Amino acid sequence: MPGGAPRARTLTRKRIFSAALALVDEEGLAALSLRALGKRLGVSQTAFYRYVPDKAALLEGVSEEVWRLTFDRFLSAIEEEPETDDQSGAEGEREENGRPEDRDQPSACGEPTADTQSSPGSGPGLVGARGEDWRWYVRQYATALHDTLLQHPEAVVLLLTHPISTPEQLTLLAKVMVRLSNASFAPPIDMLAIITVVSVYTTGFAAAEVVPPVGGGPDETSDESITAAIASLPADDLSALRGLIGQVMDGKWDFTAQFERGLDALLRGWR
């Protein structure tokens, strides 16, 4: 009303859980509470009860938001703009010359090559034949999950301890499966098993990369800490360890490269 106090923005699940994730990102998981979230959104704690009755539901909601971001990233990765004739011609020329910089190059796990042509029935705006191998889709999913978790390190532990289980989370997953079905994606019989294994591998790897130490840790980063520890070792210990951690000792250890290497091995060996 004119001259009255401004009305607060309407609360929605999306707004609540997006703000909750932002709070976790900025202040850590331990700082998350309905009281802190209410202060952030400018509402009383009781205003949440329609959507979030307690702290457990709030944690599930943050997990839901992380999954939503992951699935959005995954769907973006498997979609592409429909080609025009001019684009198709230019693409063919680039493919003939090769594009080693592409992320979707063939790997030992049998992923389709970048020069595979689109297949009939692959659906408008969706990657064609290169996506007919389920391994390609699973790799895109793992990459999307990994990238999302690296952007939200304080929330990684939630996905480790809160598997998809609520109606809202299952609805998010159902929407992804509908999109895949429309793209003529044919999952393997044991799709749940491979997705479970890949999810646990990816989440665990992300935890090793970015989750803060339990109970706090030293002021220096983990890289600085291990470098200092290595520098303090006697020569005999350094010599004995070189065969195991030589890359770390030489500053050449790359978490992302090792994540992708392990993922390739997992997908290649799945039977």
Protein backbone atom coordinates (compact mmCIF):
# COMPACT_ATOMS: atom_id res chain seq x y z
CA MET A 1 0.00 0.00 0.00
CA PRO A 2 1.24 3.54 -0.71
CA GLY A 3 3.00 5.01 2.30
CA GLY A 4 2.98 1.67 4.13
CA ALA A 5 5.89 -0.56 5.04
CA PRO A 6 7.38 -2.45 2.07
CA ARG A 7 6.17 -6.02 1.82
CA ALA A 8 8.72 -8.76 2.17
CA ARG A 9 9.33 -10.85 -0.90
CA THR A 10 7.25 -14.00 -0.96
CA LEU A 11 9.05 -17.03 0.38
CA THR A 12 9.39 -20.02 -1.92
CA ARG A 13 11.30 -23.27 -1.60
CA LYS A 14 13.73 -22.08 -4.25
CA ARG A 15 14.38 -18.76 -2.52
CA ILE A 16 14.75 -20.33 0.92
CA PHE A 17 17.16 -23.07 -0.12
CA SER A 18 19.16 -20.85 -2.46
CA ALA A 19 19.69 -18.41 0.43
CA ALA A 20 20.52 -21.30 2.76
CA LEU A 21 23.18 -22.58 0.37
CA ALA A 22 24.63 -19.08 0.05
CA LEU A 23 24.81 -18.87 3.84
CA VAL A 24 26.60 -22.23 3.98
CA ASP A 25 29.03 -21.09 1.28
CA GLU A 26 29.89 -17.91 3.16
CA GLU A 27 29.81 -18.99 6.80
CA GLY A 28 30.05 -22.78 6.81
CA LEU A 29 27.58 -25.57 7.48
CA ALA A 30 27.79 -25.10 11.25
CA ALA A 31 26.40 -21.57 10.89
CA LEU A 32 23.20 -22.74 9.20
CA SER A 33 20.04 -22.40 11.28
CA LEU A 34 16.49 -21.20 10.77
CA ARG A 35 17.30 -18.19 12.93
CA ALA A 36 20.36 -17.24 10.86
CA LEU A 37 18.45 -17.82 7.63
CA GLY A 38 15.55 -15.68 8.85
CA LYS A 39 17.94 -12.85 9.62
CA ARG A 40 19.43 -13.17 6.16
CA LEU A 41 16.04 -13.04 4.44
CA GLY A 42 14.50 -10.49 6.78
CA VAL A 43 11.74 -12.75 8.10
CA SER A 44 10.92 -14.39 11.41
CA GLN A 45 11.83 -18.00 12.05
CA THR A 46 8.17 -19.00 12.08
CA ALA A 47 7.79 -17.78 8.49
CA PHE A 48 9.69 -20.87 7.32
CA TYR A 49 7.50 -23.51 8.94
CA ARG A 50 5.26 -23.97 5.91
CA TYR A 51 8.30 -25.15 3.93
CA VAL A 52 10.90 -26.06 6.53
CA PRO A 53 9.58 -27.44 9.84
CA ASP A 54 12.98 -28.09 11.41
CA LYS A 55 16.76 -28.15 10.95
CA ALA A 56 16.71 -31.61 9.38
CA ALA A 57 14.35 -30.41 6.65
CA LEU A 58 16.59 -27.37 6.11
CA LEU A 59 19.61 -29.60 5.55
CA GLU A 60 17.63 -31.72 3.09
CA GLY A 61 16.67 -28.51 1.33
CA VAL A 62 20.27 -27.38 0.93
CA SER A 63 21.09 -30.83 -0.44
CA GLU A 64 18.16 -30.43 -2.84
CA GLU A 65 19.56 -27.11 -4.05
CA VAL A 66 22.97 -28.65 -4.72
CA TRP A 67 21.34 -31.45 -6.70
CA ARG A 68 19.26 -28.92 -8.64
CA LEU A 69 22.41 -27.02 -9.60
CA THR A 70 24.11 -30.28 -10.56
CA PHE A 71 21.25 -31.44 -12.76
CA ASP A 72 20.97 -28.02 -14.42
CA ARG A 73 24.68 -28.16 -15.21
CA PHE A 74 24.36 -31.72 -16.51
CA LEU A 75 21.45 -30.90 -18.81
CA SER A 76 23.30 -27.87 -20.14
CA ALA A 77 26.28 -30.09 -20.91
CA ILE A 78 24.28 -32.54 -22.99
CA GLU A 79 22.30 -29.92 -24.86
CA GLU A 80 23.42 -27.83 -27.79
CA GLU A 81 21.92 -25.30 -30.13
CA PRO A 82 20.48 -26.80 -33.34
CA GLU A 83 22.92 -26.35 -36.21
CA THR A 84 22.24 -24.16 -39.21
CA ASP A 85 23.58 -25.19 -42.61
CA ASP A 86 26.42 -22.68 -42.29
CA GLN A 87 27.30 -23.90 -38.81
CA SER A 88 27.25 -27.50 -39.99
CA GLY A 89 29.69 -26.75 -42.78
CA ALA A 90 32.04 -24.90 -40.48
CA GLU A 91 31.80 -27.71 -37.95
CA GLY A 92 32.69 -30.28 -40.57
CA GLU A 93 35.80 -28.31 -41.53
CA ARG A 94 36.90 -28.09 -37.89
CA GLU A 95 36.28 -31.80 -37.38
CA GLU A 96 38.34 -32.69 -40.44
CA ASN A 97 41.29 -30.74 -39.03
CA GLY A 98 40.75 -32.18 -35.53
CA ARG A 99 40.05 -30.37 -32.27
CA PRO A 100 42.40 -31.68 -29.59
CA GLU A 101 41.35 -28.93 -27.21
CA ASP A 102 37.81 -30.30 -26.93
CA ARG A 103 36.87 -31.77 -23.59
CA ASP A 104 34.79 -34.49 -25.24
CA GLN A 105 37.68 -36.24 -26.99
CA PRO A 106 37.66 -40.05 -27.18
CA SER A 107 39.08 -41.84 -24.18
CA ALA A 108 40.05 -45.34 -23.28
CA CYS A 109 36.59 -46.01 -21.89
CA GLY A 110 35.16 -46.01 -25.39
CA GLU A 111 33.52 -42.59 -25.46
CA PRO A 112 32.30 -41.60 -28.90
CA THR A 113 34.47 -39.20 -30.88
CA ALA A 114 33.70 -35.57 -31.57
CA ASP A 115 33.24 -36.24 -35.27
CA THR A 116 30.35 -38.65 -34.79
CA GLN A 117 27.33 -37.45 -36.74
CA SER A 118 23.95 -36.73 -35.18
CA SER A 119 21.55 -39.63 -35.33
CA PRO A 120 17.88 -39.53 -36.25
CA GLY A 121 15.59 -39.40 -33.28
CA SER A 122 18.15 -37.87 -30.95
CA GLY A 123 15.76 -35.04 -30.17
CA PRO A 124 15.92 -31.34 -30.97
CA GLY A 125 18.80 -29.47 -29.38
CA LEU A 126 20.34 -32.60 -27.89
CA VAL A 127 23.69 -34.18 -28.64
CA GLY A 128 23.29 -36.96 -31.17
CA ALA A 129 25.23 -40.18 -31.66
CA ARG A 130 28.07 -39.32 -29.32
CA GLY A 131 25.48 -39.51 -26.55
CA GLU A 132 24.17 -42.93 -27.52
CA ASP A 133 26.85 -44.57 -25.37
CA TRP A 134 25.61 -44.38 -21.77
CA ARG A 135 29.20 -43.88 -20.62
CA TRP A 136 29.26 -40.47 -22.29
CA TYR A 137 26.17 -39.39 -20.35
CA VAL A 138 27.49 -40.73 -17.06
CA ARG A 139 30.78 -38.92 -17.58
CA GLN A 140 28.93 -35.64 -18.17
CA TYR A 141 26.93 -36.25 -14.99
CA ALA A 142 30.06 -36.94 -12.93
CA THR A 143 31.76 -33.84 -14.30
CA ALA A 144 28.69 -31.72 -13.52
CA LEU A 145 28.53 -33.06 -9.96
CA HIS A 146 32.26 -32.57 -9.43
CA ASP A 147 32.21 -28.99 -10.73
CA THR A 148 29.18 -28.12 -8.59
CA LEU A 149 30.73 -29.53 -5.43
CA LEU A 150 33.97 -27.63 -5.99
CA GLN A 151 31.91 -24.44 -6.11
CA HIS A 152 30.17 -25.33 -2.83
CA PRO A 153 32.80 -27.08 -0.68
CA GLU A 154 30.95 -26.53 2.60
CA ALA A 155 27.99 -28.51 1.24
CA VAL A 156 29.93 -31.58 0.11
CA VAL A 157 29.39 -33.39 3.40
CA LEU A 158 25.62 -33.00 2.95
CA LEU A 159 25.67 -35.05 -0.23
CA LEU A 160 27.86 -37.65 1.45
CA THR A 161 25.28 -38.08 4.21
CA HIS A 162 22.01 -37.12 2.48
CA PRO A 163 21.37 -39.30 -0.58
CA ILE A 164 18.46 -38.37 -2.82
CA SER A 165 15.38 -39.47 -0.88
CA THR A 166 12.80 -36.70 -0.47
CA PRO A 167 9.83 -36.29 -2.84
CA GLU A 168 11.20 -32.96 -4.07
CA GLN A 169 14.64 -34.41 -4.79
CA LEU A 170 13.12 -37.38 -6.58
CA THR A 171 11.04 -34.97 -8.68
CA LEU A 172 14.24 -33.22 -9.78
CA LEU A 173 15.67 -36.58 -10.79
CA ALA A 174 12.48 -37.56 -12.61
CA LYS A 175 12.67 -34.41 -14.73
CA VAL A 176 16.21 -35.32 -15.75
CA MET A 177 15.12 -38.83 -16.74
CA VAL A 178 12.28 -37.43 -18.84
CA ARG A 179 14.73 -35.21 -20.71
CA LEU A 180 17.04 -38.16 -21.28
CA SER A 181 14.16 -40.32 -22.47
CA ASN A 182 13.15 -37.62 -24.94
CA ALA A 183 16.72 -37.73 -26.24
CA SER A 184 16.36 -41.47 -26.99
CA PHE A 185 18.80 -42.31 -24.21
CA ALA A 186 18.75 -46.03 -23.41
CA PRO A 187 20.18 -46.70 -19.94
CA PRO A 188 21.93 -49.99 -19.14
CA ILE A 189 20.01 -52.48 -17.02
CA ASP A 190 22.13 -51.69 -13.96
CA MET A 191 21.98 -47.91 -14.33
CA LEU A 192 21.27 -47.39 -10.62
CA ALA A 193 24.42 -49.32 -9.72
CA ILE A 194 26.73 -47.32 -11.99
CA ILE A 195 25.20 -43.99 -10.95
CA THR A 196 25.60 -44.93 -7.29
CA VAL A 197 29.24 -45.90 -7.75
CA VAL A 198 30.05 -42.79 -9.81
CA SER A 199 28.24 -40.51 -7.35
CA VAL A 200 30.12 -41.93 -4.36
CA TYR A 201 33.44 -41.75 -6.23
CA THR A 202 32.82 -38.16 -7.34
CA THR A 203 31.56 -36.90 -3.99
CA GLY A 204 34.39 -38.60 -2.12
CA PHE A 205 36.97 -37.18 -4.49
CA ALA A 206 35.53 -33.69 -4.11
CA ALA A 207 35.62 -34.10 -0.33
CA ALA A 208 39.31 -34.96 -0.49
CA GLU A 209 39.90 -31.83 -2.56
CA VAL A 210 37.96 -29.14 -0.75
CA VAL A 211 36.23 -30.19 2.49
CA PRO A 212 37.73 -28.32 5.48
CA PRO A 213 39.40 -30.47 8.18
CA VAL A 214 37.07 -31.66 10.94
CA GLY A 215 37.63 -29.61 14.07
CA GLY A 216 39.60 -26.97 12.20
CA GLY A 217 43.11 -27.18 10.85
CA PRO A 218 46.34 -25.27 10.42
CA ASP A 219 46.27 -21.76 9.03
CA GLU A 220 48.15 -22.77 5.89
CA THR A 221 46.47 -24.54 2.98
CA SER A 222 46.74 -28.31 2.61
CA ASP A 223 49.29 -27.82 -0.19
CA GLU A 224 51.41 -25.61 2.06
CA SER A 225 51.04 -28.07 4.92
CA ILE A 226 52.19 -31.11 2.92
CA THR A 227 55.04 -29.11 1.39
CA ALA A 228 56.25 -28.15 4.85
CA ALA A 229 55.92 -31.74 6.06
CA ILE A 230 57.92 -33.08 3.11
CA ALA A 231 60.63 -30.46 3.61
CA SER A 232 61.07 -31.58 7.22
CA LEU A 233 61.76 -35.24 6.36
CA PRO A 234 65.23 -36.79 6.43
CA ALA A 235 66.78 -37.78 3.10
CA ASP A 236 66.19 -41.52 3.64
CA ASP A 237 62.45 -40.98 4.14
CA LEU A 238 62.26 -38.73 1.08
CA SER A 239 63.97 -41.37 -1.03
CA ALA A 240 61.62 -44.10 0.24
CA LEU A 241 58.53 -41.98 -0.46
CA ARG A 242 59.48 -40.74 -3.93
CA GLY A 243 58.04 -43.78 -5.69
CA LEU A 244 54.66 -43.11 -4.04
CA ILE A 245 54.34 -39.34 -3.82
CA GLY A 246 56.92 -38.12 -6.31
CA GLN A 247 54.35 -35.99 -8.14
CA VAL A 248 53.36 -34.31 -4.89
CA MET A 249 56.98 -33.74 -3.95
CA ASP A 250 57.63 -32.13 -7.33
CA GLY A 251 54.47 -29.99 -7.21
CA LYS A 252 52.94 -31.78 -10.19
CA TRP A 253 49.93 -33.43 -8.54
CA ASP A 254 46.71 -32.39 -10.29
CA PHE A 255 43.49 -33.34 -8.50
CA THR A 256 41.27 -32.69 -11.51
CA ALA A 257 43.43 -34.77 -13.84
CA GLN A 258 43.45 -37.63 -11.33
CA PHE A 259 39.68 -37.38 -10.91
CA GLU A 260 39.17 -37.70 -14.66
CA ARG A 261 41.69 -40.54 -14.90
CA GLY A 262 39.92 -42.49 -12.17
CA LEU A 263 36.53 -41.82 -13.73
CA ASP A 264 37.75 -43.08 -17.10
CA ALA A 265 39.09 -46.25 -15.48
CA LEU A 266 35.82 -46.82 -13.63
CA LEU A 267 33.69 -46.43 -16.75
CA ARG A 268 36.05 -48.45 -18.92
CA GLY A 269 36.00 -51.35 -16.50
CA TRP A 270 32.26 -51.40 -15.79
CA ARG A 271 30.65 -54.69 -16.81
